PDB file of N, CA and C in Angstrom:
ATOM      1  N   UNK A   1     -12.285  -4.500 -18.509  1.00  0.00           N
ATOM      2  CA  UNK A   1     -12.111  -4.508 -16.944  1.00  0.00           C
ATOM      3  C   UNK A   1     -11.508  -2.712 -17.520  1.00  0.00           C
ATOM      4  N   UNK A   2     -12.447  -1.821 -16.696  1.00  0.00           N
ATOM      5  CA  UNK A   2     -11.409  -0.599 -16.285  1.00  0.00           C
ATOM      6  C   UNK A   2     -10.360  -0.891 -15.268  1.00  0.00           C
ATOM      7  N   UNK A   3      -9.801  -0.013 -15.407  1.00  0.00           N
ATOM      8  CA  UNK A   3      -8.680   0.646 -13.980  1.00  0.00           C
ATOM      9  C   UNK A   3      -9.334   0.391 -12.771  1.00  0.00           C
ATOM     10  N   UNK A   4     -10.566   1.261 -12.967  1.00  0.00           N
ATOM     11  CA  UNK A   4     -11.519   1.137 -11.938  1.00  0.00           C
ATOM     12  C   UNK A   4     -12.327  -0.072 -11.330  1.00  0.00           C
ATOM     13  N   UNK A   5     -12.500  -0.936 -12.155  1.00  0.00           N
ATOM     14  CA  UNK A   5     -12.733  -1.982 -12.050  1.00  0.00           C
ATOM     15  C   UNK A   5     -12.521  -3.298 -11.264  1.00  0.00           C
ATOM     16  N   UNK A   6     -10.830  -2.780 -12.197  1.00  0.00           N
ATOM     17  CA  UNK A   6      -9.557  -3.768 -11.212  1.00  0.00           C
ATOM     18  C   UNK A   6      -9.269  -3.606 -10.854  1.00  0.00           C
ATOM     19  N   UNK A   7      -8.623  -2.295 -10.175  1.00  0.00           N
ATOM     20  CA  UNK A   7      -8.281  -1.897  -9.052  1.00  0.00           C
ATOM     21  C   UNK A   7      -9.316  -2.100  -7.462  1.00  0.00           C
ATOM     22  N   UNK A   8     -10.545  -2.502  -7.525  1.00  0.00           N
ATOM     23  CA  UNK A   8     -11.932  -3.016  -6.665  1.00  0.00           C
ATOM     24  C   UNK A   8     -11.613  -4.913  -6.680  1.00  0.00           C
ATOM     25  N   UNK A   9     -11.613  -4.585  -7.585  1.00  0.00           N
ATOM     26  CA  UNK A   9     -11.393  -6.433  -7.698  1.00  0.00           C
ATOM     27  C   UNK A   9     -10.279  -7.115  -7.311  1.00  0.00           C
ATOM     28  N   UNK A  10      -8.982  -6.214  -7.005  1.00  0.00           N
ATOM     29  CA  UNK A  10      -7.797  -6.699  -6.100  1.00  0.00           C
ATOM     30  C   UNK A  10      -8.272  -6.348  -4.778  1.00  0.00           C
ATOM     31  N   UNK A  11      -8.694  -5.581  -4.308  1.00  0.00           N
ATOM     32  CA  UNK A  11      -9.431  -5.209  -2.925  1.00  0.00           C
ATOM     33  C   UNK A  11     -10.697  -5.608  -2.587  1.00  0.00           C
ATOM     34  N   UNK A  12     -10.751  -6.167  -3.040  1.00  0.00           N
ATOM     35  CA  UNK A  12     -12.640  -7.067  -3.190  1.00  0.00           C
ATOM     36  C   UNK A  12     -11.792  -8.784  -2.106  1.00  0.00           C
ATOM     37  N   UNK A  13     -11.000  -9.366  -3.492  1.00  0.00           N
ATOM     38  CA  UNK A  13      -9.845  -9.601  -3.384  1.00  0.00           C
ATOM     39  C   UNK A  13      -9.070  -9.745  -1.414  1.00  0.00           C
ATOM     40  N   UNK A  14      -8.864  -8.798  -1.049  1.00  0.00           N
ATOM     41  CA  UNK A  14      -7.702  -8.589  -0.434  1.00  0.00           C
ATOM     42  C   UNK A  14      -9.501  -9.400   1.114  1.00  0.00           C
ATOM     43  N   UNK A  15     -10.204  -8.203   0.857  1.00  0.00           N
ATOM     44  CA  UNK A  15     -11.251  -8.078   1.720  1.00  0.00           C
ATOM     45  C   UNK A  15     -11.728 -10.381   2.571  1.00  0.00           C
ATOM     46  N   UNK A  16     -11.673 -10.568   1.563  1.00  0.00           N
ATOM     47  CA  UNK A  16     -11.898 -11.755   0.680  1.00  0.00           C
ATOM     48  C   UNK A  16     -11.222 -12.811   1.858  1.00  0.00           C
ATOM     49  N   UNK A  17      -9.777 -12.227   1.615  1.00  0.00           N
ATOM     50  CA  UNK A  17      -8.842 -13.397   2.130  1.00  0.00           C
ATOM     51  C   UNK A  17      -9.186 -12.778   3.579  1.00  0.00           C
ATOM     52  N   UNK A  18      -9.484 -11.580   4.840  1.00  0.00           N
ATOM     53  CA  UNK A  18      -8.937 -11.810   5.278  1.00  0.00           C
ATOM     54  C   UNK A  18     -11.139 -12.048   5.923  1.00  0.00           C
ATOM     55  N   UNK A  19     -11.567 -12.524   5.583  1.00  0.00           N
ATOM     56  CA  UNK A  19     -12.888 -12.886   6.331  1.00  0.00           C
ATOM     57  C   UNK A  19     -12.907 -14.796   5.996  1.00  0.00           C
ATOM     58  N   UNK A  20     -11.900 -14.657   5.312  1.00  0.00           N
ATOM     59  CA  UNK A  20     -11.947 -16.182   4.632  1.00  0.00           C
ATOM     60  C   UNK A  20     -10.843 -17.165   6.353  1.00  0.00           C
ATOM     61  N   UNK A  21      -9.639 -16.103   6.756  1.00  0.00           N
ATOM     62  CA  UNK A  21      -9.378 -16.204   7.903  1.00  0.00           C
ATOM     63  C   UNK A  21     -10.182 -16.346   8.904  1.00  0.00           C
ATOM     64  N   UNK A  22     -10.720 -14.792   9.011  1.00  0.00           N
ATOM     65  CA  UNK A  22     -11.678 -15.319  10.138  1.00  0.00           C
ATOM     66  C   UNK A  22     -12.595 -16.752  10.751  1.00  0.00           C
ATOM     67  N   UNK A  23     -12.955 -16.552   9.837  1.00  0.00           N
ATOM     68  CA  UNK A  23     -14.293 -17.876   9.206  1.00  0.00           C
ATOM     69  C   UNK A  23     -13.422 -19.439   9.499  1.00  0.00           C
ATOM     70  N   UNK A  24     -11.884 -18.608   9.193  1.00  0.00           N
ATOM     71  CA  UNK A  24     -11.350 -20.293   9.443  1.00  0.00           C
ATOM     72  C   UNK A  24     -11.060 -20.640  11.394  1.00  0.00           C
ATOM     73  N   UNK A  25     -10.937 -19.183  11.699  1.00  0.00           N
ATOM     74  CA  UNK A  25      -9.913 -19.242  13.432  1.00  0.00           C
ATOM     75  C   UNK A  25     -11.230 -18.966  13.873  1.00  0.00           C
ATOM     76  N   UNK A  26     -13.060 -19.105  13.653  1.00  0.00           N
ATOM     77  CA  UNK A  26     -13.592 -19.489  14.723  1.00  0.00           C
ATOM     78  C   UNK A  26     -14.303 -19.816  15.329  1.00  0.00           C
ATOM     79  N   UNK A  27     -14.647 -19.937  16.642  1.00  0.00           N
ATOM     80  CA  UNK A  27     -14.763 -21.305  17.653  1.00  0.00           C
ATOM     81  C   UNK A  27     -16.227 -20.988  17.204  1.00  0.00           C
ATOM     82  N   UNK A  28     -17.912 -21.982  17.315  1.00  0.00           N
ATOM     83  CA  UNK A  28     -18.910 -22.837  17.160  1.00  0.00           C
ATOM     84  C   UNK A  28     -19.320 -21.804  18.327  1.00  0.00           C
ATOM     85  N   UNK A  29     -20.882 -20.885  17.001  1.00  0.00           N
ATOM     86  CA  UNK A  29     -21.313 -20.193  17.780  1.00  0.00           C
ATOM     87  C   UNK A  29     -21.888 -19.998  19.748  1.00  0.00           C
ATOM     88  N   UNK A  30     -22.022 -20.977  20.474  1.00  0.00           N
ATOM     89  CA  UNK A  30     -22.162 -21.824  21.805  1.00  0.00           C
ATOM     90  C   UNK A  30     -20.715 -22.251  22.301  1.00  0.00           C
ATOM     91  N   UNK A  31     -19.708 -21.763  21.870  1.00  0.00           N
ATOM     92  CA  UNK A  31     -18.420 -22.028  22.410  1.00  0.00           C
ATOM     93  C   UNK A  31     -17.957 -20.017  22.376  1.00  0.00           C
ATOM     94  N   UNK A  32     -17.659 -19.749  21.168  1.00  0.00           N
ATOM     95  CA  UNK A  32     -16.588 -18.268  21.210  1.00  0.00           C
ATOM     96  C   UNK A  32     -18.238 -17.038  22.171  1.00  0.00           C
ATOM     97  N   UNK A  33     -16.738 -16.506  23.008  1.00  0.00           N
ATOM     98  CA  UNK A  33     -17.172 -15.622  23.775  1.00  0.00           C
ATOM     99  C   UNK A  33     -17.388 -13.649  23.175  1.00  0.00           C
ATOM    100  N   UNK A  34     -17.653 -13.154  23.752  1.00  0.00           N
ATOM    101  CA  UNK A  34     -17.624 -11.786  22.936  1.00  0.00           C
ATOM    102  C   UNK A  34     -16.398 -10.701  22.350  1.00  0.00           C
ATOM    103  N   UNK A  35     -15.506 -11.350  23.762  1.00  0.00           N
ATOM    104  CA  UNK A  35     -14.149 -11.065  23.457  1.00  0.00           C
ATOM    105  C   UNK A  35     -13.400 -11.289  22.641  1.00  0.00           C
ATOM    106  N   UNK A  36     -13.353 -12.636  21.762  1.00  0.00           N
ATOM    107  CA  UNK A  36     -13.321 -13.921  21.611  1.00  0.00           C
ATOM    108  C   UNK A  36     -13.791 -12.758  19.581  1.00  0.00           C
ATOM    109  N   UNK A  37     -14.883 -12.491  19.529  1.00  0.00           N
ATOM    110  CA  UNK A  37     -15.146 -12.204  18.350  1.00  0.00           C
ATOM    111  C   UNK A  37     -14.687 -11.044  18.092  1.00  0.00           C
ATOM    112  N   UNK A  38     -14.099  -9.399  18.911  1.00  0.00           N
ATOM    113  CA  UNK A  38     -14.194  -8.180  18.970  1.00  0.00           C
ATOM    114  C   UNK A  38     -12.816  -8.597  18.330  1.00  0.00           C
ATOM    115  N   UNK A  39     -11.623 -10.013  18.813  1.00  0.00           N
ATOM    116  CA  UNK A  39     -10.536  -9.596  18.637  1.00  0.00           C
ATOM    117  C   UNK A  39     -10.352  -9.829  17.294  1.00  0.00           C
ATOM    118  N   UNK A  40     -10.937 -11.416  16.697  1.00  0.00           N
ATOM    119  CA  UNK A  40     -11.236 -11.896  15.235  1.00  0.00           C
ATOM    120  C   UNK A  40     -11.393 -10.635  14.633  1.00  0.00           C
ATOM    121  N   UNK A  41     -13.064  -9.388  14.953  1.00  0.00           N
ATOM    122  CA  UNK A  41     -13.127  -9.040  13.946  1.00  0.00           C
ATOM    123  C   UNK A  41     -11.921  -7.359  13.901  1.00  0.00           C
ATOM    124  N   UNK A  42     -11.055  -7.062  14.688  1.00  0.00           N
ATOM    125  CA  UNK A  42      -9.603  -6.863  15.000  1.00  0.00           C
ATOM    126  C   UNK A  42      -9.146  -6.659  14.033  1.00  0.00           C
ATOM    127  N   UNK A  43      -8.406  -8.500  14.533  1.00  0.00           N
ATOM    128  CA  UNK A  43      -7.309  -8.697  13.529  1.00  0.00           C
ATOM    129  C   UNK A  43      -8.018  -8.555  11.951  1.00  0.00           C
ATOM    130  N   UNK A  44      -9.289  -9.440  11.587  1.00  0.00           N
ATOM    131  CA  UNK A  44      -9.583  -9.167   9.847  1.00  0.00           C
ATOM    132  C   UNK A  44      -9.598  -7.518   9.630  1.00  0.00           C
ATOM    133  N   UNK A  45     -10.033  -6.643  10.619  1.00  0.00           N
ATOM    134  CA  UNK A  45      -9.994  -5.044   9.884  1.00  0.00           C
ATOM    135  C   UNK A  45      -8.497  -4.686   9.999  1.00  0.00           C
ATOM    136  N   UNK A  46      -7.658  -5.371  10.572  1.00  0.00           N
ATOM    137  CA  UNK A  46      -5.625  -5.235  10.388  1.00  0.00           C
ATOM    138  C   UNK A  46      -5.600  -5.361   9.082  1.00  0.00           C
ATOM    139  N   UNK A  47      -5.992  -6.722   8.946  1.00  0.00           N
ATOM    140  CA  UNK A  47      -5.736  -7.180   7.228  1.00  0.00           C
ATOM    141  C   UNK A  47      -6.734  -6.756   6.739  1.00  0.00           C
ATOM    142  N   UNK A  48      -7.906  -5.831   6.072  1.00  0.00           N
ATOM    143  CA  UNK A  48      -7.898  -5.438   5.658  1.00  0.00           C
ATOM    144  C   UNK A  48      -7.908  -4.315   5.005  1.00  0.00           C
ATOM    145  N   UNK A  49      -6.902  -3.137   5.901  1.00  0.00           N
ATOM    146  CA  UNK A  49      -6.730  -2.120   5.950  1.00  0.00           C
ATOM    147  C   UNK A  49      -4.711  -1.806   5.241  1.00  0.00           C
ATOM    148  N   UNK A  50      -4.167  -3.195   5.987  1.00  0.00           N
ATOM    149  CA  UNK A  50      -3.333  -3.805   4.751  1.00  0.00           C
ATOM    150  C   UNK A  50      -3.482  -3.870   3.947  1.00  0.00           C
ATOM    151  N   UNK A  51      -4.682  -4.831   3.293  1.00  0.00           N
ATOM    152  CA  UNK A  51      -4.525  -5.204   2.573  1.00  0.00           C
ATOM    153  C   UNK A  51      -4.345  -4.203   1.717  1.00  0.00           C
ATOM    154  N   UNK A  52      -5.908  -3.143   1.343  1.00  0.00           N
ATOM    155  CA  UNK A  52      -5.753  -2.360   0.755  1.00  0.00           C
ATOM    156  C   UNK A  52      -4.618  -1.001   0.599  1.00  0.00           C
ATOM    157  N   UNK A  53      -4.373  -0.929   1.864  1.00  0.00           N
ATOM    158  CA  UNK A  53      -3.233  -0.173   1.344  1.00  0.00           C
ATOM    159  C   UNK A  53      -1.726  -0.940   0.610  1.00  0.00           C
ATOM    160  N   UNK A  54      -1.339  -1.662   0.239  1.00  0.00           N
ATOM    161  CA  UNK A  54      -1.166  -2.417  -0.389  1.00  0.00           C
ATOM    162  C   UNK A  54      -0.900  -2.460  -1.775  1.00  0.00           C
ATOM    163  N   UNK A  55      -2.976  -2.892  -2.056  1.00  0.00           N
ATOM    164  CA  UNK A  55      -3.262  -1.969  -3.409  1.00  0.00           C
ATOM    165  C   UNK A  55      -3.090  -1.024  -3.984  1.00  0.00           C
ATOM    166  N   UNK A  56      -3.261   1.049  -2.955  1.00  0.00           N
ATOM    167  CA  UNK A  56      -3.224   1.699  -3.099  1.00  0.00           C
ATOM    168  C   UNK A  56      -1.842   1.486  -3.568  1.00  0.00           C
ATOM    169  N   UNK A  57      -0.883   1.519  -2.986  1.00  0.00           N
ATOM    170  CA  UNK A  57       0.687   1.866  -3.076  1.00  0.00           C
ATOM    171  C   UNK A  57       1.280   0.900  -4.729  1.00  0.00           C
ATOM    172  N   UNK A  58       0.665  -0.205  -5.067  1.00  0.00           N
ATOM    173  CA  UNK A  58       0.836  -0.682  -5.929  1.00  0.00           C
ATOM    174  C   UNK A  58       0.394  -0.095  -7.269  1.00  0.00           C
ATOM    175  N   UNK A  59      -0.817   0.179  -7.297  1.00  0.00           N
ATOM    176  CA  UNK A  59      -1.643   1.297  -7.798  1.00  0.00           C
ATOM    177  C   UNK A  59      -1.080   2.481  -8.520  1.00  0.00           C
ATOM    178  N   UNK A  60       0.039   3.195  -7.265  1.00  0.00           N
ATOM    179  CA  UNK A  60       0.785   4.703  -7.461  1.00  0.00           C
ATOM    180  C   UNK A  60       2.407   4.099  -8.297  1.00  0.00           C
ATOM    181  N   UNK A  61       2.547   3.141  -7.904  1.00  0.00           N
ATOM    182  CA  UNK A  61       4.238   2.629  -7.890  1.00  0.00           C
ATOM    183  C   UNK A  61       3.573   2.431  -9.630  1.00  0.00           C
ATOM    184  N   UNK A  62       3.159   2.645 -10.337  1.00  0.00           N
ATOM    185  CA  UNK A  62       2.007   1.872 -11.729  1.00  0.00           C
ATOM    186  C   UNK A  62       2.464   3.426 -13.021  1.00  0.00           C
ATOM    187  N   UNK A  63       2.398   4.570 -12.290  1.00  0.00           N
ATOM    188  CA  UNK A  63       2.249   5.714 -12.083  1.00  0.00           C
ATOM    189  C   UNK A  63       3.316   7.247 -12.236  1.00  0.00           C
ATOM    190  N   UNK A  64       4.268   6.309 -12.235  1.00  0.00           N
ATOM    191  CA  UNK A  64       5.705   7.499 -12.694  1.00  0.00           C
ATOM    192  C   UNK A  64       6.655   7.603 -12.689  1.00  0.00           C
ATOM    193  N   UNK A  65       5.445   7.789 -13.961  1.00  0.00           N
ATOM    194  CA  UNK A  65       5.886   8.831 -15.722  1.00  0.00           C
ATOM    195  C   UNK A  65       6.663   9.623 -15.599  1.00  0.00           C
ATOM    196  N   UNK A  66       6.611  10.654 -14.681  1.00  0.00           N
ATOM    197  CA  UNK A  66       6.786  12.012 -15.404  1.00  0.00           C
ATOM    198  C   UNK A  66       8.213  12.905 -15.020  1.00  0.00           C
ATOM    199  N   UNK A  67       8.292  13.973 -15.652  1.00  0.00           N
ATOM    200  CA  UNK A  67       9.274  14.760 -15.597  1.00  0.00           C
ATOM    201  C   UNK A  67       9.035  15.717 -14.085  1.00  0.00           C
ATOM    202  N   UNK A  68      10.288  15.228 -13.246  1.00  0.00           N
ATOM    203  CA  UNK A  68      10.272  16.169 -12.096  1.00  0.00           C
ATOM    204  C   UNK A  68      11.071  17.643 -11.994  1.00  0.00           C
ATOM    205  N   UNK A  69      10.948  18.489 -11.997  1.00  0.00           N
ATOM    206  CA  UNK A  69      12.036  19.570 -11.683  1.00  0.00           C
ATOM    207  C   UNK A  69      12.763  20.029 -10.041  1.00  0.00           C
ATOM    208  N   UNK A  70      13.293  20.125 -10.496  1.00  0.00           N
ATOM    209  CA  UNK A  70      14.284  20.045  -7.952  1.00  0.00           C
ATOM    210  C   UNK A  70      13.501  21.540  -8.377  1.00  0.00           C
ATOM    211  N   UNK A  71      13.162  21.477  -7.097  1.00  0.00           N
ATOM    212  CA  UNK A  71      12.061  22.194  -5.284  1.00  0.00           C
ATOM    213  C   UNK A  71      13.421  23.732  -5.532  1.00  0.00           C
ATOM    214  N   UNK A  72      14.503  23.036  -5.149  1.00  0.00           N
ATOM    215  CA  UNK A  72      15.505  24.210  -4.908  1.00  0.00           C
ATOM    216  C   UNK A  72      16.330  25.497  -6.329  1.00  0.00           C
ATOM    217  N   UNK A  73      15.953  24.463  -7.537  1.00  0.00           N
ATOM    218  CA  UNK A  73      16.856  25.239  -8.439  1.00  0.00           C
ATOM    219  C   UNK A  73      15.940  24.981 -10.136  1.00  0.00           C
ATOM    220  N   UNK A  74      14.842  24.206 -10.001  1.00  0.00           N
ATOM    221  CA  UNK A  74      14.172  24.532 -11.285  1.00  0.00           C
ATOM    222  C   UNK A  74      15.015  23.728 -11.764  1.00  0.00           C
ATOM    223  N   UNK A  75      15.092  23.002 -11.669  1.00  0.00           N
ATOM    224  CA  UNK A  75      15.943  22.018 -12.769  1.00  0.00           C
ATOM    225  C   UNK A  75      15.676  21.062 -13.273  1.00  0.00           C
ATOM    226  N   UNK A  76      15.480  20.028 -14.377  1.00  0.00           N
ATOM    227  CA  UNK A  76      14.789  18.724 -14.823  1.00  0.00           C
ATOM    228  C   UNK A  76      16.075  17.204 -13.971  1.00  0.00           C
ATOM    229  N   UNK A  77      14.649  17.248 -13.327  1.00  0.00           N
ATOM    230  CA  UNK A  77      15.826  16.207 -12.580  1.00  0.00           C
ATOM    231  C   UNK A  77      16.569  14.642 -13.541  1.00  0.00           C
ATOM    232  N   UNK A  78      17.831  14.060 -12.539  1.00  0.00           N
ATOM    233  CA  UNK A  78      17.289  13.436 -13.817  1.00  0.00           C
ATOM    234  C   UNK A  78      16.649  11.696 -13.538  1.00  0.00           C
ATOM    235  N   UNK A  79      15.984  10.870 -13.346  1.00  0.00           N
ATOM    236  CA  UNK A  79      16.088  10.202 -13.261  1.00  0.00           C
ATOM    237  C   UNK A  79      16.520   8.946 -12.532  1.00  0.00           C
ATOM    238  N   UNK A  80      16.332   7.921 -12.476  1.00  0.00           N
ATOM    239  CA  UNK A  80      17.724   6.953 -11.987  1.00  0.00           C
ATOM    240  C   UNK A  80      17.063   5.262 -11.404  1.00  0.00           C
ATOM    241  N   UNK A  81      15.324   5.607 -12.342  1.00  0.00           N
ATOM    242  CA  UNK A  81      15.253   4.153 -12.424  1.00  0.00           C
ATOM    243  C   UNK A  81      14.680   4.423 -11.614  1.00  0.00           C
ATOM    244  N   UNK A  82      14.105   2.558 -10.614  1.00  0.00           N
ATOM    245  CA  UNK A  82      13.305   1.818 -10.283  1.00  0.00           C
ATOM    246  C   UNK A  82      13.578   1.981  -8.412  1.00  0.00           C
ATOM    247  N   UNK A  83      13.068   2.454  -7.862  1.00  0.00           N
ATOM    248  CA  UNK A  83      13.973   2.325  -5.693  1.00  0.00           C
ATOM    249  C   UNK A  83      13.232   1.087  -5.077  1.00  0.00           C
ATOM    250  N   UNK A  84      13.237   0.575  -4.324  1.00  0.00           N
ATOM    251  CA  UNK A  84      12.101   0.271  -2.886  1.00  0.00           C
ATOM    252  C   UNK A  84      12.633   0.799  -2.356  1.00  0.00           C
ATOM    253  N   UNK A  85      11.774   0.735  -1.323  1.00  0.00           N
ATOM    254  CA  UNK A  85      11.776   1.012   0.494  1.00  0.00           C
ATOM    255  C   UNK A  85      10.696   1.024   0.979  1.00  0.00           C
ATOM    256  N   UNK A  86      11.407   0.269   2.132  1.00  0.00           N
ATOM    257  CA  UNK A  86      10.175  -0.491   3.346  1.00  0.00           C
ATOM    258  C   UNK A  86       9.915   0.895   3.635  1.00  0.00           C
ATOM    259  N   UNK A  87       8.519   0.659   3.918  1.00  0.00           N
ATOM    260  CA  UNK A  87       7.685   2.216   5.032  1.00  0.00           C
ATOM    261  C   UNK A  87       7.089   1.480   6.396  1.00  0.00           C
ATOM    262  N   UNK A  88       6.458   1.757   6.941  1.00  0.00           N
ATOM    263  CA  UNK A  88       6.046   1.647   7.815  1.00  0.00           C
ATOM    264  C   UNK A  88       4.208   2.604   7.600  1.00  0.00           C
ATOM    265  N   UNK A  89       3.311   2.553   7.570  1.00  0.00           N
ATOM    266  CA  UNK A  89       2.499   2.969   7.165  1.00  0.00           C
ATOM    267  C   UNK A  89       1.259   3.285   8.435  1.00  0.00           C
ATOM    268  N   UNK A  90       0.313   3.672   8.586  1.00  0.00           N
ATOM    269  CA  UNK A  90      -0.818   3.629   9.953  1.00  0.00           C
ATOM    270  C   UNK A  90      -1.269   1.808  10.155  1.00  0.00           C
ATOM    271  N   UNK A  91      -1.673   1.222   9.485  1.00  0.00           N
ATOM    272  CA  UNK A  91      -1.426  -0.332   8.473  1.00  0.00           C
ATOM    273  C   UNK A  91      -0.812  -1.223   8.149  1.00  0.00           C
ATOM    274  N   UNK A  92      -0.007  -0.731   8.976  1.00  0.00           N
ATOM    275  CA  UNK A  92       1.488  -1.636   8.596  1.00  0.00           C
ATOM    276  C   UNK A  92       2.069  -1.065   7.487  1.00  0.00           C
ATOM    277  N   UNK A  93       3.556  -2.254   6.947  1.00  0.00           N
ATOM    278  CA  UNK A  93       4.653  -1.504   6.717  1.00  0.00           C
ATOM    279  C   UNK A  93       3.791  -2.738   4.975  1.00  0.00           C
ATOM    280  N   UNK A  94       4.487  -1.671   4.801  1.00  0.00           N
ATOM    281  CA  UNK A  94       4.572  -2.178   3.054  1.00  0.00           C
ATOM    282  C   UNK A  94       6.065  -1.965   2.588  1.00  0.00           C
ATOM    283  N   UNK A  95       6.771  -2.680   1.113  1.00  0.00           N
ATOM    284  CA  UNK A  95       7.444  -2.332   0.333  1.00  0.00           C
ATOM    285  C   UNK A  95       6.746  -1.448  -0.838  1.00  0.00           C
ATOM    286  N   UNK A  96       7.420  -0.237  -0.916  1.00  0.00           N
ATOM    287  CA  UNK A  96       7.076   1.093  -1.625  1.00  0.00           C
ATOM    288  C   UNK A  96       8.403   0.818  -3.462  1.00  0.00           C
ATOM    289  N   UNK A  97       7.773   0.528  -4.709  1.00  0.00           N
ATOM    290  CA  UNK A  97       9.220   1.081  -5.130  1.00  0.00           C
ATOM    291  C   UNK A  97       8.235   1.737  -6.394  1.00  0.00           C
ATOM    292  N   UNK A  98       8.878   3.095  -6.711  1.00  0.00           N
ATOM    293  CA  UNK A  98       8.510   4.232  -7.109  1.00  0.00           C
ATOM    294  C   UNK A  98       9.697   4.399  -8.250  1.00  0.00           C
ATOM    295  N   UNK A  99       9.850   5.806  -8.466  1.00  0.00           N
ATOM    296  CA  UNK A  99      10.726   6.281  -9.234  1.00  0.00           C
ATOM    297  C   UNK A  99      11.735   7.198  -8.268  1.00  0.00           C
ATOM    298  N   UNK A 100      12.323   6.828  -8.496  1.00  0.00           N
ATOM    299  CA  UNK A 100      14.035   8.144  -7.644  1.00  0.00           C
ATOM    300  C   UNK A 100      14.618   9.209  -8.905  1.00  0.00           C
ATOM    301  N   UNK A 101      14.634  10.045  -8.548  1.00  0.00           N
ATOM    302  CA  UNK A 101      14.900  11.065  -9.221  1.00  0.00           C
ATOM    303  C   UNK A 101      16.315  12.067  -8.003  1.00  0.00           C
ATOM    304  N   UNK A 102      16.807  12.395  -9.579  1.00  0.00           N
ATOM    305  CA  UNK A 102      17.750  13.054  -8.235  1.00  0.00           C
ATOM    306  C   UNK A 102      18.863  14.563  -9.129  1.00  0.00           C
ATOM    307  N   UNK A 103      18.688  15.312  -8.051  1.00  0.00           N
ATOM    308  CA  UNK A 103      18.832  17.162  -8.639  1.00  0.00           C
ATOM    309  C   UNK A 103      21.271  16.934  -9.123  1.00  0.00           C
ATOM    310  N   UNK A 104      21.423  16.816 -10.017  1.00  0.00           N
ATOM    311  CA  UNK A 104      23.094  16.728  -9.764  1.00  0.00           C
ATOM    312  C   UNK A 104      23.338  18.076  -9.389  1.00  0.00           C
ATOM    313  N   UNK A 105      22.545  19.852  -9.692  1.00  0.00           N
ATOM    314  CA  UNK A 105      22.733  20.482  -9.007  1.00  0.00           C
ATOM    315  C   UNK A 105      22.889  20.883  -7.898  1.00  0.00           C
ATOM    316  N   UNK A 106      21.598  20.404  -7.571  1.00  0.00           N
ATOM    317  CA  UNK A 106      21.483  20.351  -5.492  1.00  0.00           C
ATOM    318  C   UNK A 106      21.394  19.337  -4.731  1.00  0.00           C
ATOM    319  N   UNK A 107      21.858  18.059  -5.265  1.00  0.00           N
ATOM    320  CA  UNK A 107      21.949  17.561  -4.922  1.00  0.00           C
ATOM    321  C   UNK A 107      21.293  16.554  -4.341  1.00  0.00           C
ATOM    322  N   UNK A 108      19.919  16.458  -4.493  1.00  0.00           N
ATOM    323  CA  UNK A 108      18.432  16.178  -2.961  1.00  0.00           C
ATOM    324  C   UNK A 108      18.563  15.071  -4.587  1.00  0.00           C
ATOM    325  N   UNK A 109      17.488  14.187  -3.571  1.00  0.00           N
ATOM    326  CA  UNK A 109      17.015  13.300  -4.363  1.00  0.00           C
ATOM    327  C   UNK A 109      16.061  13.001  -3.943  1.00  0.00           C
ATOM    328  N   UNK A 110      14.862  12.331  -4.684  1.00  0.00           N
ATOM    329  CA  UNK A 110      12.908  12.536  -4.120  1.00  0.00           C
ATOM    330  C   UNK A 110      12.583  11.459  -4.551  1.00  0.00           C
ATOM    331  N   UNK A 111      11.788  10.977  -4.179  1.00  0.00           N
ATOM    332  CA  UNK A 111      11.401   9.199  -4.632  1.00  0.00           C
ATOM    333  C   UNK A 111       9.033  10.503  -4.369  1.00  0.00           C
ATOM    334  N   UNK A 112       9.113  10.310  -5.775  1.00  0.00           N
ATOM    335  CA  UNK A 112       7.572  10.762  -5.000  1.00  0.00           C
ATOM    336  C   UNK A 112       6.530   9.645  -5.305  1.00  0.00           C
ATOM    337  N   UNK A 113       5.775   9.789  -5.489  1.00  0.00           N
ATOM    338  CA  UNK A 113       4.977  11.524  -4.230  1.00  0.00           C
ATOM    339  C   UNK A 113       5.086  10.648  -2.583  1.00  0.00           C
ATOM    340  N   UNK A 114       4.605  12.298  -2.165  1.00  0.00           N
ATOM    341  CA  UNK A 114       5.638  11.553  -0.794  1.00  0.00           C
ATOM    342  C   UNK A 114       4.569  10.293  -0.078  1.00  0.00           C
TER     343      UNK A 114
END
């Protein structure tokens, strides 16, 4: 399976979970109002967006094997290991784990990519 196919499989899994949750919570057609339908669909959409954010964030975590140079002094930055950071995105909160680099000369650390 290619990386693209694996990514698609993971994203589809997130969407399927949101759909399953929506189907569990919906009322029978003769009992549900349009407002309730809109609410269910909106919540499912938010769940899909958050899931895809998690998938794409995890993908970017896997690609942190680069050598960085300090933007201030141009010296090679020291790799300080994997660090986790909780961030709030437009689609919800996610924990991002990425390589952390530090320039001892400038005393600047970065958590790429922004």
